[in-house]
């Protein structure tokens, strides 16, 4: 080995080590990123309320008494705007109606919904609707009331409480800020 080839070899050695260290760092960083996503994904799934089987839902709905016309209608007032809501025929909707009148300061989430914690938890019969429609009134978990003002696809599970009869102007009335909403039977 000549002196010049030895110098070239010595001169390249630190550079080759830097490349190996850089590759190892990138692999470790990629592994950390994947591990972080798995942990976050698991955490999101852990927050989802359990989804009952279709058979359980069918049995629960079969034993629920029907709502009479007076019980099936309620009102949602936002400032000067008043919206009629038709309640779903289920235990959760009846329990929600029993809490009325109710005024909630509802925060905005994702630019498509308002949400607030109810004073008392409601019975849950959650299912994955697949698509949320503007005007849907839903329960997330057992005590989070959600009013949707835009339509979108979802993988989350909710208990359906009702629907705004004519959601025209709902998005404008609610806006993308926290808003005070009054729910009443009359």
C-alpha atoms as a PDB file:
ATOM      1  CA  UNK A   1       0.000   0.000   0.000  1.00  0.00           C
ATOM      2  CA  UNK A   2       1.390   3.364  -0.950  1.00  0.00           C
ATOM      3  CA  UNK A   3       1.389   6.445   1.193  1.00  0.00           C
ATOM      4  CA  UNK A   4      -1.144   8.202  -1.075  1.00  0.00           C
ATOM      5  CA  UNK A   5      -3.542   5.252  -1.006  1.00  0.00           C
ATOM      6  CA  UNK A   6      -3.181   5.083   2.792  1.00  0.00           C
ATOM      7  CA  UNK A   7      -3.981   8.797   3.072  1.00  0.00           C
ATOM      8  CA  UNK A   8      -7.007   8.337   0.772  1.00  0.00           C
ATOM      9  CA  UNK A   9      -8.213   5.407   2.883  1.00  0.00           C
ATOM     10  CA  UNK A  10      -7.727   7.317   6.139  1.00  0.00           C
ATOM     11  CA  UNK A  11      -9.364  10.396   4.658  1.00  0.00           C
ATOM     12  CA  UNK A  12     -12.425   8.408   3.568  1.00  0.00           C
ATOM     13  CA  UNK A  13     -12.848   6.490   6.783  1.00  0.00           C
ATOM     14  CA  UNK A  14     -14.414   9.299   8.827  1.00  0.00           C
ATOM     15  CA  UNK A  15     -16.737  10.147   5.920  1.00  0.00           C
ATOM     16  CA  UNK A  16     -17.829   6.496   5.626  1.00  0.00           C
ATOM     17  CA  UNK A  17     -18.481   6.408   9.375  1.00  0.00           C
ATOM     18  CA  UNK A  18     -20.590   9.561   9.081  1.00  0.00           C
ATOM     19  CA  UNK A  19     -22.696   7.923   6.358  1.00  0.00           C
ATOM     20  CA  UNK A  20     -23.190   4.817   8.518  1.00  0.00           C
ATOM     21  CA  UNK A  21     -24.148   6.978  11.508  1.00  0.00           C
ATOM     22  CA  UNK A  22     -26.520   9.016   9.340  1.00  0.00           C
ATOM     23  CA  UNK A  23     -28.201   5.857   8.003  1.00  0.00           C
ATOM     24  CA  UNK A  24     -28.563   4.436  11.511  1.00  0.00           C
ATOM     25  CA  UNK A  25     -30.010   7.751  12.736  1.00  0.00           C
ATOM     26  CA  UNK A  26     -32.540   7.836   9.888  1.00  0.00           C
ATOM     27  CA  UNK A  27     -33.606   4.244  10.543  1.00  0.00           C
ATOM     28  CA  UNK A  28     -33.966   4.936  14.263  1.00  0.00           C
ATOM     29  CA  UNK A  29     -35.933   8.103  13.575  1.00  0.00           C
ATOM     30  CA  UNK A  30     -38.226   6.249  11.156  1.00  0.00           C
ATOM     31  CA  UNK A  31     -38.780   3.527  13.744  1.00  0.00           C
ATOM     32  CA  UNK A  32     -39.611   6.179  16.355  1.00  0.00           C
ATOM     33  CA  UNK A  33     -42.088   7.818  13.994  1.00  0.00           C
ATOM     34  CA  UNK A  34     -43.845   4.513  13.293  1.00  0.00           C
ATOM     35  CA  UNK A  35     -43.923   3.662  16.995  1.00  0.00           C
ATOM     36  CA  UNK A  36     -45.354   7.105  17.801  1.00  0.00           C
ATOM     37  CA  UNK A  37     -48.111   6.711  15.186  1.00  0.00           C
ATOM     38  CA  UNK A  38     -49.025   3.295  16.544  1.00  0.00           C
ATOM     39  CA  UNK A  39     -49.256   4.671  20.080  1.00  0.00           C
ATOM     40  CA  UNK A  40     -51.363   7.635  18.965  1.00  0.00           C
ATOM     41  CA  UNK A  41     -53.593   5.420  16.837  1.00  0.00           C
ATOM     42  CA  UNK A  42     -54.149   3.112  19.783  1.00  0.00           C
ATOM     43  CA  UNK A  43     -54.956   6.071  22.022  1.00  0.00           C
ATOM     44  CA  UNK A  44     -57.585   7.330  19.563  1.00  0.00           C
ATOM     45  CA  UNK A  45     -59.181   3.898  19.383  1.00  0.00           C
ATOM     46  CA  UNK A  46     -59.130   3.636  23.185  1.00  0.00           C
ATOM     47  CA  UNK A  47     -61.275   6.781  23.491  1.00  0.00           C
ATOM     48  CA  UNK A  48     -64.014   5.356  21.271  1.00  0.00           C
ATOM     49  CA  UNK A  49     -67.039   4.138  23.191  1.00  0.00           C
ATOM     50  CA  UNK A  50     -67.857   0.463  22.608  1.00  0.00           C
ATOM     51  CA  UNK A  51     -70.113  -0.257  19.642  1.00  0.00           C
ATOM     52  CA  UNK A  52     -72.907  -2.750  20.326  1.00  0.00           C
ATOM     53  CA  UNK A  53     -73.702  -5.465  17.833  1.00  0.00           C
ATOM     54  CA  UNK A  54     -76.592  -4.950  15.379  1.00  0.00           C
ATOM     55  CA  UNK A  55     -78.532  -7.657  17.225  1.00  0.00           C
ATOM     56  CA  UNK A  56     -78.174  -5.819  20.554  1.00  0.00           C
ATOM     57  CA  UNK A  57     -79.401  -2.600  18.924  1.00  0.00           C
ATOM     58  CA  UNK A  58     -82.382  -4.352  17.336  1.00  0.00           C
ATOM     59  CA  UNK A  59     -83.425  -5.881  20.674  1.00  0.00           C
ATOM     60  CA  UNK A  60     -83.021  -2.534  22.486  1.00  0.00           C
ATOM     61  CA  UNK A  61     -85.044  -0.666  19.871  1.00  0.00           C
ATOM     62  CA  UNK A  62     -87.789  -3.324  19.826  1.00  0.00           C
ATOM     63  CA  UNK A  63     -88.557  -2.843  23.537  1.00  0.00           C
ATOM     64  CA  UNK A  64     -88.569   0.969  23.444  1.00  0.00           C
ATOM     65  CA  UNK A  65     -91.998   2.569  23.496  1.00  0.00           C
ATOM     66  CA  UNK A  66     -92.878   4.905  20.640  1.00  0.00           C
ATOM     67  CA  UNK A  67     -92.704   8.665  21.108  1.00  0.00           C
ATOM     68  CA  UNK A  68     -95.962  10.531  20.841  1.00  0.00           C
ATOM     69  CA  UNK A  69     -95.978  13.678  18.622  1.00  0.00           C
ATOM     70  CA  UNK A  70     -95.524  16.073  21.573  1.00  0.00           C
ATOM     71  CA  UNK A  71     -92.485  14.148  22.809  1.00  0.00           C
ATOM     72  CA  UNK A  72     -90.879  13.837  19.383  1.00  0.00           C
ATOM     73  CA  UNK A  73     -90.402  17.588  18.806  1.00  0.00           C
ATOM     74  CA  UNK A  74     -88.090  20.003  20.580  1.00  0.00           C
ATOM     75  CA  UNK A  75     -86.447  23.338  19.785  1.00  0.00           C
ATOM     76  CA  UNK A  76     -82.892  24.617  19.518  1.00  0.00           C
ATOM     77  CA  UNK A  77     -82.396  28.388  19.748  1.00  0.00           C
ATOM     78  CA  UNK A  78     -79.168  30.107  18.702  1.00  0.00           C
ATOM     79  CA  UNK A  79     -79.396  33.878  19.145  1.00  0.00           C
ATOM     80  CA  UNK A  80     -82.371  34.948  16.999  1.00  0.00           C
ATOM     81  CA  UNK A  81     -82.528  31.647  15.076  1.00  0.00           C
ATOM     82  CA  UNK A  82     -84.875  28.856  16.144  1.00  0.00           C
ATOM     83  CA  UNK A  83     -84.641  25.329  14.730  1.00  0.00           C
ATOM     84  CA  UNK A  84     -87.146  22.498  15.179  1.00  0.00           C
ATOM     85  CA  UNK A  85     -85.602  19.140  16.099  1.00  0.00           C
ATOM     86  CA  UNK A  86     -87.344  15.805  15.672  1.00  0.00           C
ATOM     87  CA  UNK A  87     -86.128  13.397  18.344  1.00  0.00           C
ATOM     88  CA  UNK A  88     -85.146   9.839  17.554  1.00  0.00           C
ATOM     89  CA  UNK A  89     -87.313   7.137  19.120  1.00  0.00           C
ATOM     90  CA  UNK A  90     -84.804   5.779  21.668  1.00  0.00           C
ATOM     91  CA  UNK A  91     -84.067   5.836  25.393  1.00  0.00           C
ATOM     92  CA  UNK A  92     -81.221   8.328  25.042  1.00  0.00           C
ATOM     93  CA  UNK A  93     -83.422  10.887  23.247  1.00  0.00           C
ATOM     94  CA  UNK A  94     -86.138  10.549  25.903  1.00  0.00           C
ATOM     95  CA  UNK A  95     -83.544  10.986  28.667  1.00  0.00           C
ATOM     96  CA  UNK A  96     -82.173  14.064  26.881  1.00  0.00           C
ATOM     97  CA  UNK A  97     -85.688  15.549  26.558  1.00  0.00           C
ATOM     98  CA  UNK A  98     -86.205  14.977  30.289  1.00  0.00           C
ATOM     99  CA  UNK A  99     -83.268  17.344  30.990  1.00  0.00           C
ATOM    100  CA  UNK A 100     -84.893  20.224  29.072  1.00  0.00           C
ATOM    101  CA  UNK A 101     -84.906  23.192  29.185  1.00  0.00           C
ATOM    102  CA  UNK A 102     -81.142  23.374  28.932  1.00  0.00           C
ATOM    103  CA  UNK A 103     -78.745  26.121  27.890  1.00  0.00           C
ATOM    104  CA  UNK A 104     -75.226  25.063  26.920  1.00  0.00           C
ATOM    105  CA  UNK A 105     -72.117  26.962  25.913  1.00  0.00           C
ATOM    106  CA  UNK A 106     -71.052  24.786  22.989  1.00  0.00           C
ATOM    107  CA  UNK A 107     -67.480  24.892  21.696  1.00  0.00           C
ATOM    108  CA  UNK A 108     -66.594  24.455  18.041  1.00  0.00           C
ATOM    109  CA  UNK A 109     -64.647  21.393  16.913  1.00  0.00           C
ATOM    110  CA  UNK A 110     -63.098  20.798  13.477  1.00  0.00           C
ATOM    111  CA  UNK A 111     -65.150  23.556  11.854  1.00  0.00           C
ATOM    112  CA  UNK A 112     -68.132  21.189  11.483  1.00  0.00           C
ATOM    113  CA  UNK A 113     -69.671  20.621  14.916  1.00  0.00           C
ATOM    114  CA  UNK A 114     -70.533  22.096  18.303  1.00  0.00           C
ATOM    115  CA  UNK A 115     -70.131  20.064  21.477  1.00  0.00           C
ATOM    116  CA  UNK A 116     -70.754  20.397  25.227  1.00  0.00           C
ATOM    117  CA  UNK A 117     -70.942  18.172  28.274  1.00  0.00           C
ATOM    118  CA  UNK A 118     -74.446  17.443  29.549  1.00  0.00           C
ATOM    119  CA  UNK A 119     -75.247  17.828  33.267  1.00  0.00           C
ATOM    120  CA  UNK A 120     -76.226  14.126  33.462  1.00  0.00           C
ATOM    121  CA  UNK A 121     -75.060  11.119  31.444  1.00  0.00           C
ATOM    122  CA  UNK A 122     -77.555   9.529  29.039  1.00  0.00           C
ATOM    123  CA  UNK A 123     -78.144   5.871  28.109  1.00  0.00           C
ATOM    124  CA  UNK A 124     -75.887   4.825  25.232  1.00  0.00           C
ATOM    125  CA  UNK A 125     -76.741   2.838  22.112  1.00  0.00           C
ATOM    126  CA  UNK A 126     -73.824   3.945  19.936  1.00  0.00           C
ATOM    127  CA  UNK A 127     -73.294   2.898  16.350  1.00  0.00           C
ATOM    128  CA  UNK A 128     -71.054   4.032  13.528  1.00  0.00           C
ATOM    129  CA  UNK A 129     -73.234   6.055  11.138  1.00  0.00           C
ATOM    130  CA  UNK A 130     -70.535   6.214   8.444  1.00  0.00           C
ATOM    131  CA  UNK A 131     -71.806   9.621   7.308  1.00  0.00           C
ATOM    132  CA  UNK A 132     -72.794  12.597   9.440  1.00  0.00           C
ATOM    133  CA  UNK A 133     -75.381  14.981   7.969  1.00  0.00           C
ATOM    134  CA  UNK A 134     -75.674  18.654   8.798  1.00  0.00           C
ATOM    135  CA  UNK A 135     -78.437  18.990  11.340  1.00  0.00           C
ATOM    136  CA  UNK A 136     -77.686  15.709  13.165  1.00  0.00           C
ATOM    137  CA  UNK A 137     -77.984  15.846  16.959  1.00  0.00           C
ATOM    138  CA  UNK A 138     -75.837  13.095  18.473  1.00  0.00           C
ATOM    139  CA  UNK A 139     -74.384  11.861  21.740  1.00  0.00           C
ATOM    140  CA  UNK A 140     -70.671  11.000  21.902  1.00  0.00           C
ATOM    141  CA  UNK A 141     -69.870   8.709  24.799  1.00  0.00           C
ATOM    142  CA  UNK A 142     -72.555   9.066  27.459  1.00  0.00           C
ATOM    143  CA  UNK A 143     -72.509  12.787  28.163  1.00  0.00           C
ATOM    144  CA  UNK A 144     -71.173  14.817  25.218  1.00  0.00           C
ATOM    145  CA  UNK A 145     -73.918  16.444  23.163  1.00  0.00           C
ATOM    146  CA  UNK A 146     -72.902  17.193  19.559  1.00  0.00           C
ATOM    147  CA  UNK A 147     -74.700  19.325  16.954  1.00  0.00           C
ATOM    148  CA  UNK A 148     -73.279  18.877  13.451  1.00  0.00           C
ATOM    149  CA  UNK A 149     -73.558  21.778  11.030  1.00  0.00           C
ATOM    150  CA  UNK A 150     -71.650  20.269   8.080  1.00  0.00           C
ATOM    151  CA  UNK A 151     -71.886  16.820   6.458  1.00  0.00           C
ATOM    152  CA  UNK A 152     -68.859  14.502   6.343  1.00  0.00           C
ATOM    153  CA  UNK A 153     -67.796  10.844   6.564  1.00  0.00           C
ATOM    154  CA  UNK A 154     -66.808   9.476   9.987  1.00  0.00           C
ATOM    155  CA  UNK A 155     -65.556   6.307  11.628  1.00  0.00           C
ATOM    156  CA  UNK A 156     -66.598   7.439  15.126  1.00  0.00           C
ATOM    157  CA  UNK A 157     -69.552   5.941  17.010  1.00  0.00           C
ATOM    158  CA  UNK A 158     -72.482   8.042  18.256  1.00  0.00           C
ATOM    159  CA  UNK A 159     -75.909   7.583  19.782  1.00  0.00           C
ATOM    160  CA  UNK A 160     -78.460   9.337  17.578  1.00  0.00           C
ATOM    161  CA  UNK A 161     -80.674  11.777  19.484  1.00  0.00           C
ATOM    162  CA  UNK A 162     -82.453  13.635  16.704  1.00  0.00           C
ATOM    163  CA  UNK A 163     -82.238  15.803  13.626  1.00  0.00           C
ATOM    164  CA  UNK A 164     -82.875  19.447  12.773  1.00  0.00           C
ATOM    165  CA  UNK A 165     -85.945  19.410  10.525  1.00  0.00           C
ATOM    166  CA  UNK A 166     -84.743  22.202   8.226  1.00  0.00           C
ATOM    167  CA  UNK A 167     -80.987  22.763   8.670  1.00  0.00           C
ATOM    168  CA  UNK A 168     -80.916  25.640   6.146  1.00  0.00           C
ATOM    169  CA  UNK A 169     -78.957  28.475   7.777  1.00  0.00           C
ATOM    170  CA  UNK A 170     -77.711  26.264  10.626  1.00  0.00           C
ATOM    171  CA  UNK A 171     -74.009  26.643   9.722  1.00  0.00           C
ATOM    172  CA  UNK A 172     -74.366  30.430   9.535  1.00  0.00           C
ATOM    173  CA  UNK A 173     -76.223  30.618  12.855  1.00  0.00           C
ATOM    174  CA  UNK A 174     -73.661  28.474  14.662  1.00  0.00           C
ATOM    175  CA  UNK A 175     -70.518  29.881  13.026  1.00  0.00           C
ATOM    176  CA  UNK A 176     -67.034  28.579  13.823  1.00  0.00           C
ATOM    177  CA  UNK A 177     -66.842  29.863  17.379  1.00  0.00           C
ATOM    178  CA  UNK A 178     -68.232  28.912  20.773  1.00  0.00           C
ATOM    179  CA  UNK A 179     -71.924  29.716  20.976  1.00  0.00           C
ATOM    180  CA  UNK A 180     -74.704  29.642  23.566  1.00  0.00           C
ATOM    181  CA  UNK A 181     -77.484  27.239  22.527  1.00  0.00           C
ATOM    182  CA  UNK A 182     -80.821  26.845  24.280  1.00  0.00           C
ATOM    183  CA  UNK A 183     -82.689  23.519  23.976  1.00  0.00           C
ATOM    184  CA  UNK A 184     -86.369  23.433  24.994  1.00  0.00           C
ATOM    185  CA  UNK A 185     -89.598  21.501  24.563  1.00  0.00           C
ATOM    186  CA  UNK A 186     -91.523  24.646  23.605  1.00  0.00           C
END
